[in-house]
Amino acid sequence: SEFPSANEDKTLVDDCESGSEKELSITDDRG
């Protein structure tokens, strides 16, 4: 599966809200 599971996606969102630039970068790569 190329797309993250609902649980994994929620974790990425939580990290982004925490101000994690690393997670934001990963999200941009997936976008």
PDB file of N, CA and C in Angstrom:
ATOM      1  N   SER A   1       0.844  -1.210   0.000  1.00  0.00           N
ATOM      2  CA  SER A   1       0.000   0.000   0.000  1.00  0.00           C
ATOM      3  C   SER A   1       0.874   1.253   0.000  1.00  0.00           C
ATOM      4  N   GLU A   2       0.675   2.123  -0.959  1.00  0.00           N
ATOM      5  CA  GLU A   2       1.471   3.346  -1.040  1.00  0.00           C
ATOM      6  C   GLU A   2       0.974   4.398  -0.061  1.00  0.00           C
ATOM      7  N   PHE A   3      -0.292   4.280   0.333  1.00  0.00           N
ATOM      8  CA  PHE A   3      -0.869   5.269   1.238  1.00  0.00           C
ATOM      9  C   PHE A   3      -0.796   4.791   2.685  1.00  0.00           C
ATOM     10  N   PRO A   4      -0.537   5.702   3.623  1.00  0.00           N
ATOM     11  CA  PRO A   4      -0.452   5.342   5.040  1.00  0.00           C
ATOM     12  C   PRO A   4      -1.812   4.953   5.588  1.00  0.00           C
ATOM     13  N   SER A   5      -1.823   4.112   6.607  1.00  0.00           N
ATOM     14  CA  SER A   5      -3.082   3.739   7.240  1.00  0.00           C
ATOM     15  C   SER A   5      -3.655   4.942   7.980  1.00  0.00           C
ATOM     16  N   ALA A   6      -4.918   4.869   8.354  1.00  0.00           N
ATOM     17  CA  ALA A   6      -5.569   5.983   9.052  1.00  0.00           C
ATOM     18  C   ALA A   6      -4.800   6.316  10.332  1.00  0.00           C
ATOM     19  N   ASN A   7      -4.347   5.282  11.033  1.00  0.00           N
ATOM     20  CA  ASN A   7      -3.618   5.486  12.278  1.00  0.00           C
ATOM     21  C   ASN A   7      -2.287   6.189  12.022  1.00  0.00           C
ATOM     22  N   GLU A   8      -1.579   5.763  10.994  1.00  0.00           N
ATOM     23  CA  GLU A   8      -0.278   6.370  10.674  1.00  0.00           C
ATOM     24  C   GLU A   8      -0.468   7.820  10.246  1.00  0.00           C
ATOM     25  N   ASP A   9      -1.510   8.057   9.443  1.00  0.00           N
ATOM     26  CA  ASP A   9      -1.771   9.415   8.966  1.00  0.00           C
ATOM     27  C   ASP A   9      -2.069  10.334  10.145  1.00  0.00           C
ATOM     28  N   LYS A  10      -2.825   9.830  11.128  1.00  0.00           N
ATOM     29  CA  LYS A  10      -3.155  10.630  12.309  1.00  0.00           C
ATOM     30  C   LYS A  10      -1.875  10.997  13.060  1.00  0.00           C
ATOM     31  N   THR A  11      -0.931  10.070  13.133  1.00  0.00           N
ATOM     32  CA  THR A  11       0.335  10.330  13.814  1.00  0.00           C
ATOM     33  C   THR A  11       1.088  11.451  13.114  1.00  0.00           C
ATOM     34  N   LEU A  12       1.101  11.426  11.784  1.00  0.00           N
ATOM     35  CA  LEU A  12       1.790  12.471  11.028  1.00  0.00           C
ATOM     36  C   LEU A  12       1.149  13.824  11.296  1.00  0.00           C
ATOM     37  N   VAL A  13      -0.175  13.853  11.342  1.00  0.00           N
ATOM     38  CA  VAL A  13      -0.889  15.109  11.609  1.00  0.00           C
ATOM     39  C   VAL A  13      -0.525  15.625  12.996  1.00  0.00           C
ATOM     40  N   ASP A  14      -0.509  14.731  13.990  1.00  0.00           N
ATOM     41  CA  ASP A  14      -0.168  15.131  15.355  1.00  0.00           C
ATOM     42  C   ASP A  14       1.246  15.714  15.402  1.00  0.00           C
ATOM     43  N   ASP A  15       2.175  15.081  14.695  1.00  0.00           N
ATOM     44  CA  ASP A  15       3.559  15.559  14.677  1.00  0.00           C
ATOM     45  C   ASP A  15       3.652  16.922  14.006  1.00  0.00           C
ATOM     46  N   CYS A  16       2.886  17.108  12.930  1.00  0.00           N
ATOM     47  CA  CYS A  16       2.905  18.392  12.224  1.00  0.00           C
ATOM     48  C   CYS A  16       2.385  19.495  13.141  1.00  0.00           C
ATOM     49  N   GLU A  17       1.329  19.201  13.885  1.00  0.00           N
ATOM     50  CA  GLU A  17       0.760  20.195  14.790  1.00  0.00           C
ATOM     51  C   GLU A  17       1.741  20.524  15.911  1.00  0.00           C
ATOM     52  N   SER A  18       2.633  19.565  16.201  1.00  0.00           N
ATOM     53  CA  SER A  18       3.636  19.785  17.238  1.00  0.00           C
ATOM     54  C   SER A  18       4.787  20.639  16.714  1.00  0.00           C
ATOM     55  N   GLY A  19       4.774  20.921  15.410  1.00  0.00           N
ATOM     56  CA  GLY A  19       5.816  21.771  14.835  1.00  0.00           C
ATOM     57  C   GLY A  19       7.025  20.984  14.369  1.00  0.00           C
ATOM     58  N   SER A  20       6.826  19.716  13.991  1.00  0.00           N
ATOM     59  CA  SER A  20       7.949  18.900  13.537  1.00  0.00           C
ATOM     60  C   SER A  20       8.201  19.143  12.058  1.00  0.00           C
ATOM     61  N   GLU A  21       9.263  19.876  11.741  1.00  0.00           N
ATOM     62  CA  GLU A  21       9.581  20.174  10.342  1.00  0.00           C
ATOM     63  C   GLU A  21       9.920  18.892   9.579  1.00  0.00           C
ATOM     64  N   LYS A  22      10.491  17.915  10.283  1.00  0.00           N
ATOM     65  CA  LYS A  22      10.850  16.648   9.636  1.00  0.00           C
ATOM     66  C   LYS A  22       9.598  15.958   9.106  1.00  0.00           C
ATOM     67  N   GLU A  23       8.554  15.897   9.932  1.00  0.00           N
ATOM     68  CA  GLU A  23       7.307  15.257   9.504  1.00  0.00           C
ATOM     69  C   GLU A  23       6.650  16.050   8.384  1.00  0.00           C
ATOM     70  N   LEU A  24       6.743  17.390   8.477  1.00  0.00           N
ATOM     71  CA  LEU A  24       6.170  18.235   7.427  1.00  0.00           C
ATOM     72  C   LEU A  24       6.846  17.938   6.094  1.00  0.00           C
ATOM     73  N   SER A  25       8.152  17.724   6.125  1.00  0.00           N
ATOM     74  CA  SER A  25       8.902  17.426   4.910  1.00  0.00           C
ATOM     75  C   SER A  25       8.435  16.104   4.311  1.00  0.00           C
ATOM     76  N   ILE A  26       8.222  15.108   5.170  1.00  0.00           N
ATOM     77  CA  ILE A  26       7.752  13.797   4.704  1.00  0.00           C
ATOM     78  C   ILE A  26       6.365  13.938   4.077  1.00  0.00           C
ATOM     79  N   THR A  27       5.514  14.744   4.694  1.00  0.00           N
ATOM     80  CA  THR A  27       4.165  14.955   4.170  1.00  0.00           C
ATOM     81  C   THR A  27       4.236  15.592   2.791  1.00  0.00           C
ATOM     82  N   ASP A  28       5.139  16.550   2.613  1.00  0.00           N
ATOM     83  CA  ASP A  28       5.302  17.211   1.314  1.00  0.00           C
ATOM     84  C   ASP A  28       5.752  16.206   0.253  1.00  0.00           C
ATOM     85  N   ASP A  29       6.637  15.284   0.621  1.00  0.00           N
ATOM     86  CA  ASP A  29       7.118  14.280  -0.329  1.00  0.00           C
ATOM     87  C   ASP A  29       5.977  13.371  -0.773  1.00  0.00           C
ATOM     88  N   ARG A  30       5.072  13.070   0.141  1.00  0.00           N
ATOM     89  CA  ARG A  30       3.941  12.194  -0.185  1.00  0.00           C
ATOM     90  C   ARG A  30       2.880  12.937  -0.983  1.00  0.00           C
ATOM     91  N   GLY A  31       2.784  14.246  -0.759  1.00  0.00           N
ATOM     92  CA  GLY A  31       1.751  15.048  -1.387  1.00  0.00           C
ATOM     93  C   GLY A  31       1.791  14.943  -2.906  1.00  0.00           C
TER      94      GLY A  31
END
